Amino acid sequence: MKIANRLSWALVALTPASVQAASTTTYTYDALGRLVQASTTGTANNGVQMSTTYDAADNRTTYRVTGSTSKVVVVPINGLTVIPILDD
């Protein structure tokens, strides 16, 4: 788990500020105040949607990312941040 966390932070650190600022993310919450969906518009991650589900104990059980044409990483920062992975 520590390796995954380090990778996530490394990916966030490598994402240029201009790319992060070029999009708008809209968050949707359920009646209990839990994040259930995030939709991104703009040049970075345009059309990417993230949804999550919870179990009876309020644990997040699934993260689903749709609308991406490339591989992505979902990072639990500021809600959930979707970062594309570019294949060179």
Protein backbone atom coordinates (compact mmCIF):
# COMPACT_ATOMS: atom_id res chain seq x y z
CA MET A 1 0.00 0.00 0.00
CA LYS A 2 2.87 2.41 0.75
CA ILE A 3 4.27 1.91 -2.75
CA ALA A 4 0.90 2.78 -4.29
CA ASN A 5 0.66 5.91 -2.14
CA ARG A 6 4.15 7.00 -3.19
CA LEU A 7 3.28 6.41 -6.84
CA SER A 8 0.12 8.47 -6.47
CA TRP A 9 1.99 11.37 -4.92
CA ALA A 10 4.68 11.15 -7.59
CA LEU A 11 2.07 11.35 -10.34
CA VAL A 12 0.45 14.37 -8.72
CA ALA A 13 3.82 16.08 -8.41
CA LEU A 14 4.58 15.47 -12.10
CA THR A 15 1.28 16.87 -13.39
CA PRO A 16 1.87 20.44 -14.66
CA ALA A 17 -0.14 23.16 -12.91
CA SER A 18 -1.41 24.42 -16.29
CA VAL A 19 -3.03 21.03 -16.96
CA GLN A 20 -4.60 20.88 -13.51
CA ALA A 21 -6.01 24.40 -13.85
CA ALA A 22 -7.42 23.89 -17.35
CA SER A 23 -10.43 21.86 -16.26
CA THR A 24 -13.51 22.09 -14.05
CA THR A 25 -14.66 19.26 -11.81
CA THR A 26 -18.23 19.03 -10.50
CA TYR A 27 -18.80 16.92 -7.39
CA THR A 28 -22.06 15.16 -6.42
CA TYR A 29 -22.81 13.99 -2.87
CA ASP A 30 -25.50 11.69 -1.47
CA ALA A 31 -27.88 12.51 1.42
CA LEU A 32 -25.20 11.44 3.93
CA GLY A 33 -22.65 13.86 2.47
CA ARG A 34 -20.53 11.16 0.82
CA LEU A 35 -18.90 11.80 -2.54
CA VAL A 36 -20.68 9.65 -5.13
CA GLN A 37 -19.69 11.21 -8.45
CA ALA A 38 -17.22 13.65 -9.99
CA SER A 39 -17.43 14.90 -13.58
CA THR A 40 -14.62 16.77 -15.32
CA THR A 41 -14.93 19.20 -18.25
CA GLY A 42 -12.29 21.29 -19.98
CA THR A 43 -9.10 20.46 -21.80
CA ALA A 44 -7.62 18.11 -19.20
CA ASN A 45 -9.65 14.94 -18.58
CA ASN A 46 -12.57 16.25 -20.65
CA GLY A 47 -15.65 14.05 -20.22
CA VAL A 48 -14.13 11.83 -17.55
CA GLN A 49 -16.56 10.74 -14.86
CA MET A 50 -15.79 9.01 -11.59
CA SER A 51 -18.34 7.26 -9.42
CA THR A 52 -17.99 5.43 -6.13
CA THR A 53 -20.19 3.13 -4.07
CA TYR A 54 -20.26 2.40 -0.36
CA ASP A 55 -21.05 -0.63 1.78
CA ALA A 56 -23.33 -0.66 4.86
CA ALA A 57 -20.41 0.44 7.06
CA ASP A 58 -19.75 3.53 4.86
CA ASN A 59 -16.54 2.11 3.41
CA ARG A 60 -15.84 2.97 -0.22
CA THR A 61 -16.16 -0.29 -2.12
CA THR A 62 -15.73 0.67 -5.78
CA TYR A 63 -14.27 3.46 -7.87
CA ARG A 64 -15.37 3.54 -11.48
CA VAL A 65 -13.89 5.84 -14.10
CA THR A 66 -15.66 6.27 -17.45
CA GLY A 67 -15.13 8.51 -20.45
CA SER A 68 -11.38 8.17 -20.53
CA THR A 69 -9.62 7.18 -23.73
CA SER A 70 -6.41 6.43 -21.85
CA LYS A 71 -5.31 4.73 -18.67
CA VAL A 72 -5.99 6.74 -15.53
CA VAL A 73 -5.05 6.80 -11.86
CA VAL A 74 -7.64 7.83 -9.28
CA VAL A 75 -6.00 9.65 -6.38
CA PRO A 76 -7.88 10.32 -3.12
CA ILE A 77 -6.90 13.99 -2.94
CA ASN A 78 -9.51 16.79 -2.89
CA GLY A 79 -12.30 14.28 -3.29
CA LEU A 80 -10.93 12.05 -6.00
CA THR A 81 -8.55 13.34 -8.64
CA VAL A 82 -8.33 11.54 -12.00
CA ILE A 83 -4.87 11.68 -13.59
CA PRO A 84 -4.31 10.38 -17.13
CA ILE A 85 -1.30 8.17 -17.84
CA LEU A 86 0.17 9.01 -21.22
CA ASP A 87 1.73 6.24 -23.28
CA ASP A 88 4.87 7.46 -25.05
